[in-house]
Amino acid sequence: MLEDTYSGKVAPTEHDQQPWQHHPYWQVARRDLIGALAGAQHCELSEQQAEPGGYVPIHHHDVEEIITVLSGTLSVMMDGQYFEMHAPSSVLIRPGVEHGWRNKSMSSATFLVYFPAQDPVSHWREPKSKI
């Protein structure tokens, strides 16, 4: 049996109360929903918004990642294959698989990103290329 090491008060995270962090170059905003500040020890969940033209360069992680598109469309490259993700849809990205995405549409896209680790390391392909 796993021992419960969390001893704090249980409370939901109010998404609208979490601050957005804007990446100045990639045209992407992120707010952390669940992570260390919420008491998580082994996972994190963030909400992200990509404006038209927003992207994340090709990279990979040592852990799985799940992306769930809530609104809009993302053009995704995963393991050399290209495909469109339309809301509502999700994709599992396995450890070590190169991936990246871009919002090629004329409207913003909102999506959730889940990792089973706190602040996972991103291994960027150099130069940091757009998909």
Protein backbone atom coordinates (compact mmCIF):
# COMPACT_ATOMS: atom_id res chain seq x y z
CA MET A 1 0.00 0.00 0.00
CA LEU A 2 1.25 3.48 -0.82
CA GLU A 3 1.53 5.85 2.08
CA ASP A 4 -0.30 9.15 1.71
CA THR A 5 2.30 11.84 2.44
CA TYR A 6 -0.04 14.76 1.73
CA SER A 7 -1.29 16.33 4.93
CA GLY A 8 -2.71 19.62 3.66
CA LYS A 9 -6.25 20.78 3.09
CA VAL A 10 -7.95 19.43 -0.03
CA ALA A 11 -9.27 22.22 -2.27
CA PRO A 12 -9.98 22.55 -5.98
CA THR A 13 -7.86 24.86 -8.11
CA GLU A 14 -9.88 27.75 -9.48
CA HIS A 15 -8.55 28.08 -13.01
CA ASP A 16 -9.55 31.72 -13.40
CA GLN A 17 -7.47 32.60 -10.33
CA GLN A 18 -4.23 31.26 -11.82
CA PRO A 19 -1.94 33.80 -13.54
CA TRP A 20 -1.03 33.50 -17.22
CA GLN A 21 2.64 33.48 -18.20
CA HIS A 22 3.32 34.67 -21.76
CA HIS A 23 6.22 33.42 -23.83
CA PRO A 24 7.47 36.48 -25.73
CA TYR A 25 8.65 34.69 -28.87
CA TRP A 26 6.40 31.67 -29.39
CA GLN A 27 3.04 33.53 -28.97
CA VAL A 28 1.91 31.03 -26.34
CA ALA A 29 0.45 31.68 -22.88
CA ARG A 30 0.44 29.12 -20.05
CA ARG A 31 -1.09 28.89 -16.61
CA ASP A 32 -0.35 26.12 -14.16
CA LEU A 33 -3.49 24.41 -12.87
CA ILE A 34 -2.04 21.54 -10.84
CA GLY A 35 1.56 21.27 -9.73
CA ALA A 36 3.80 21.84 -6.74
CA LEU A 37 1.84 24.89 -5.54
CA ALA A 38 -1.35 22.80 -5.48
CA GLY A 39 0.41 20.08 -3.47
CA ALA A 40 1.17 17.68 -6.34
CA GLN A 41 4.35 15.70 -5.90
CA HIS A 42 4.57 13.72 -9.15
CA CYS A 43 2.52 15.44 -11.87
CA GLU A 44 1.54 18.74 -13.43
CA LEU A 45 -1.33 20.04 -15.51
CA SER A 46 -1.31 23.33 -17.38
CA GLU A 47 -3.71 25.20 -19.62
CA GLN A 48 -2.16 26.82 -22.66
CA GLN A 49 -3.38 29.20 -25.33
CA ALA A 50 -1.75 29.66 -28.71
CA GLU A 51 -2.54 32.69 -30.80
CA PRO A 52 -2.50 32.33 -34.60
CA GLY A 53 1.10 31.56 -35.55
CA GLY A 54 1.96 30.44 -32.00
CA TYR A 55 4.11 27.32 -31.75
CA VAL A 56 6.39 25.14 -29.66
CA PRO A 57 9.60 23.98 -31.42
CA ILE A 58 10.45 20.31 -31.94
CA HIS A 59 11.60 18.65 -28.72
CA HIS A 60 11.13 15.52 -26.60
CA HIS A 61 10.81 14.59 -22.94
CA ASP A 62 11.91 11.62 -20.82
CA VAL A 63 8.31 11.11 -19.64
CA GLU A 64 4.90 10.80 -21.29
CA GLU A 65 2.89 13.90 -22.18
CA ILE A 66 -0.81 14.23 -22.92
CA ILE A 67 -2.19 17.15 -24.95
CA THR A 68 -5.96 17.76 -24.98
CA VAL A 69 -7.30 20.39 -27.36
CA LEU A 70 -10.29 22.19 -25.80
CA SER A 71 -10.93 24.74 -28.55
CA GLY A 72 -9.43 25.53 -31.93
CA THR A 73 -6.96 23.47 -33.94
CA LEU A 74 -3.28 22.56 -33.57
CA SER A 75 -1.03 21.28 -36.35
CA VAL A 76 1.15 18.66 -34.67
CA MET A 77 4.37 16.90 -35.67
CA MET A 78 4.99 13.71 -33.74
CA ASP A 79 7.70 11.18 -34.57
CA GLY A 80 8.01 12.57 -38.11
CA GLN A 81 4.26 12.42 -38.83
CA TYR A 82 2.08 15.49 -39.26
CA PHE A 83 -1.61 15.69 -38.32
CA GLU A 84 -4.30 18.15 -37.21
CA MET A 85 -5.86 18.09 -33.74
CA HIS A 86 -9.33 19.61 -33.60
CA ALA A 87 -11.26 20.23 -30.39
CA PRO A 88 -12.15 18.09 -28.57
CA SER A 89 -9.28 15.62 -29.00
CA SER A 90 -6.29 14.23 -27.09
CA VAL A 91 -2.97 12.63 -27.97
CA LEU A 92 -0.50 10.63 -25.89
CA ILE A 93 3.16 11.39 -26.61
CA ARG A 94 5.48 8.63 -25.44
CA PRO A 95 8.88 9.30 -23.79
CA GLY A 96 11.65 10.16 -26.25
CA VAL A 97 9.30 10.91 -29.17
CA GLU A 98 10.14 14.17 -30.94
CA HIS A 99 7.14 16.46 -31.25
CA GLY A 100 6.10 20.06 -31.70
CA TRP A 101 3.02 21.98 -32.72
CA ARG A 102 1.86 25.17 -34.38
CA ASN A 103 -1.44 27.05 -34.55
CA LYS A 104 -1.85 27.59 -38.30
CA SER A 105 -5.47 28.74 -37.98
CA MET A 106 -6.80 32.30 -37.82
CA SER A 107 -8.17 31.89 -34.25
CA SER A 108 -6.64 31.01 -30.90
CA ALA A 109 -6.40 27.43 -29.66
CA THR A 110 -6.78 26.37 -26.01
CA PHE A 111 -5.45 23.07 -24.73
CA LEU A 112 -4.37 21.19 -21.61
CA VAL A 113 -0.91 19.66 -21.17
CA TYR A 114 -0.39 16.89 -18.60
CA PHE A 115 2.92 15.40 -17.43
CA PRO A 116 3.35 12.59 -14.87
CA ALA A 117 6.35 14.51 -13.49
CA GLN A 118 7.07 17.94 -12.04
CA ASP A 119 8.71 20.34 -14.49
CA PRO A 120 9.92 17.69 -16.97
CA VAL A 121 13.09 18.40 -18.91
CA SER A 122 12.62 19.41 -22.54
CA HIS A 123 15.33 18.30 -24.96
CA TRP A 124 15.20 20.84 -27.79
CA ARG A 125 16.23 20.07 -31.36
CA GLU A 126 18.76 22.70 -32.40
CA PRO A 127 18.16 25.08 -33.90
CA LYS A 128 14.75 25.42 -32.28
CA SER A 129 12.78 24.89 -35.45
CA LYS A 130 9.13 25.54 -36.15
CA ILE A 131 7.07 22.70 -37.51
